[in-house]
Amino acid sequence: MLPNDNLQGADFIANHIDGIASLKVHLRGRLTINKQYVGKNFYVAFRYEDCTYLYPHDELMSFIFKALPNTEKTKSWLMEGDYHWPNPMPKKLEQELAKYKL
């Protein structure tokens, strides 16, 4: 379903077959965290090495800040409010991201 203006910038809405549950999904080209997504119950989807990942933004962001604490101190995060990882993905995140592989 294509979102309307009140969904805070989601690229699409994934509706469960039960007709009740839904996910607001933002599509990205790589693993990304963004201050604009915090507290909005967003999921982020991206592809990496022929796999698709779909993760709850705030949950994974919390893990990232614990596993890679310097992320919060980068110029990109502090000034832009956005941080993403080029390929290859950091080893510390691979195991955690495996939970979100589709």
Protein backbone atom coordinates (compact mmCIF):
# COMPACT_ATOMS: atom_id res chain seq x y z
CA MET A 1 0.00 0.00 0.00
CA LEU A 2 1.36 3.43 -0.85
CA PRO A 3 1.45 5.70 2.21
CA ASN A 4 -0.39 8.96 2.60
CA ASP A 5 1.09 12.11 4.12
CA ASN A 6 0.50 11.13 7.76
CA LEU A 7 2.96 8.21 7.78
CA GLN A 8 6.10 10.30 8.38
CA GLY A 9 7.88 9.43 5.17
CA ALA A 10 7.44 5.66 4.88
CA ASP A 11 8.11 4.35 1.39
CA PHE A 12 5.38 1.74 1.74
CA ILE A 13 3.15 -0.01 4.23
CA ALA A 14 3.38 -3.80 4.59
CA ASN A 15 0.02 -5.16 5.70
CA HIS A 16 -0.31 -8.53 7.38
CA ILE A 17 -2.86 -10.97 6.00
CA ASP A 18 -4.80 -10.58 9.27
CA GLY A 19 -5.76 -7.07 8.14
CA ILE A 20 -4.67 -5.58 11.47
CA ALA A 21 -0.88 -5.61 11.71
CA SER A 22 1.16 -3.37 9.44
CA LEU A 23 4.74 -2.11 9.15
CA LYS A 24 5.90 1.30 7.97
CA VAL A 25 8.91 0.52 5.79
CA HIS A 26 11.64 2.78 4.49
CA LEU A 27 13.76 1.43 1.62
CA ARG A 28 17.50 2.06 1.71
CA GLY A 29 20.42 0.96 -0.42
CA ARG A 30 22.46 -0.16 2.58
CA LEU A 31 22.37 -0.59 6.36
CA THR A 32 21.27 2.81 7.69
CA ILE A 33 20.26 4.54 10.91
CA ASN A 34 18.67 7.97 10.86
CA LYS A 35 17.52 10.38 13.58
CA GLN A 36 14.38 11.12 11.56
CA TYR A 37 13.22 7.51 12.05
CA VAL A 38 13.63 7.43 15.85
CA GLY A 39 10.42 6.82 17.77
CA LYS A 40 8.29 6.42 14.64
CA ASN A 41 8.08 2.62 14.63
CA PHE A 42 9.83 2.39 11.25
CA TYR A 43 11.30 -0.69 9.70
CA VAL A 44 14.15 -0.38 7.21
CA ALA A 45 14.66 -2.72 4.26
CA PHE A 46 17.88 -3.09 2.24
CA ARG A 47 19.68 -5.67 0.12
CA TYR A 48 23.19 -6.95 0.73
CA GLU A 49 24.94 -9.84 -1.03
CA ASP A 50 21.76 -11.23 -2.61
CA CYS A 51 19.88 -11.12 0.69
CA THR A 52 17.11 -8.79 1.81
CA TYR A 53 17.02 -7.52 5.38
CA LEU A 54 14.08 -5.93 7.18
CA TYR A 55 14.87 -4.56 10.62
CA PRO A 56 13.12 -2.47 13.27
CA HIS A 57 15.08 0.78 13.13
CA ASP A 58 15.13 1.75 16.81
CA GLU A 59 15.91 -1.78 18.04
CA LEU A 60 18.88 -2.20 15.71
CA MET A 61 20.07 1.36 16.35
CA SER A 62 20.28 0.59 20.09
CA PHE A 63 22.30 -2.54 19.36
CA ILE A 64 24.62 -0.60 17.04
CA PHE A 65 25.31 2.08 19.63
CA LYS A 66 26.31 -0.63 22.13
CA ALA A 67 28.36 -2.72 19.69
CA LEU A 68 29.95 0.22 17.84
CA PRO A 69 29.85 3.16 20.29
CA ASN A 70 31.90 5.46 18.06
CA THR A 71 28.96 5.58 15.64
CA GLU A 72 27.24 8.13 17.89
CA LYS A 73 30.33 10.34 17.78
CA THR A 74 30.76 10.54 14.01
CA LYS A 75 30.33 13.81 12.17
CA SER A 76 27.71 12.15 9.97
CA TRP A 77 25.54 11.21 12.96
CA LEU A 78 26.06 14.41 14.94
CA MET A 79 25.71 16.89 12.07
CA GLU A 80 23.55 15.07 9.52
CA GLY A 81 21.59 12.74 11.81
CA ASP A 82 22.28 9.85 9.47
CA TYR A 83 24.80 7.02 9.37
CA HIS A 84 25.18 4.17 6.90
CA TRP A 85 27.73 1.47 6.23
CA PRO A 86 29.40 0.84 2.91
CA ASN A 87 30.01 -2.73 1.88
CA PRO A 88 31.32 -4.89 3.37
CA MET A 89 29.22 -4.76 6.49
CA PRO A 90 31.05 -4.59 9.86
CA LYS A 91 31.64 -8.07 11.31
CA LYS A 92 30.16 -6.98 14.66
CA LEU A 93 26.80 -6.44 12.95
CA GLU A 94 26.60 -9.52 10.74
CA GLN A 95 25.36 -11.89 13.44
CA GLU A 96 22.76 -9.44 14.73
CA LEU A 97 21.51 -8.69 11.22
CA ALA A 98 21.08 -12.40 10.51
CA LYS A 99 17.92 -12.21 12.64
CA TYR A 100 16.41 -9.82 10.11
CA LYS A 101 17.25 -11.71 6.93
CA LEU A 102 14.19 -12.49 4.83
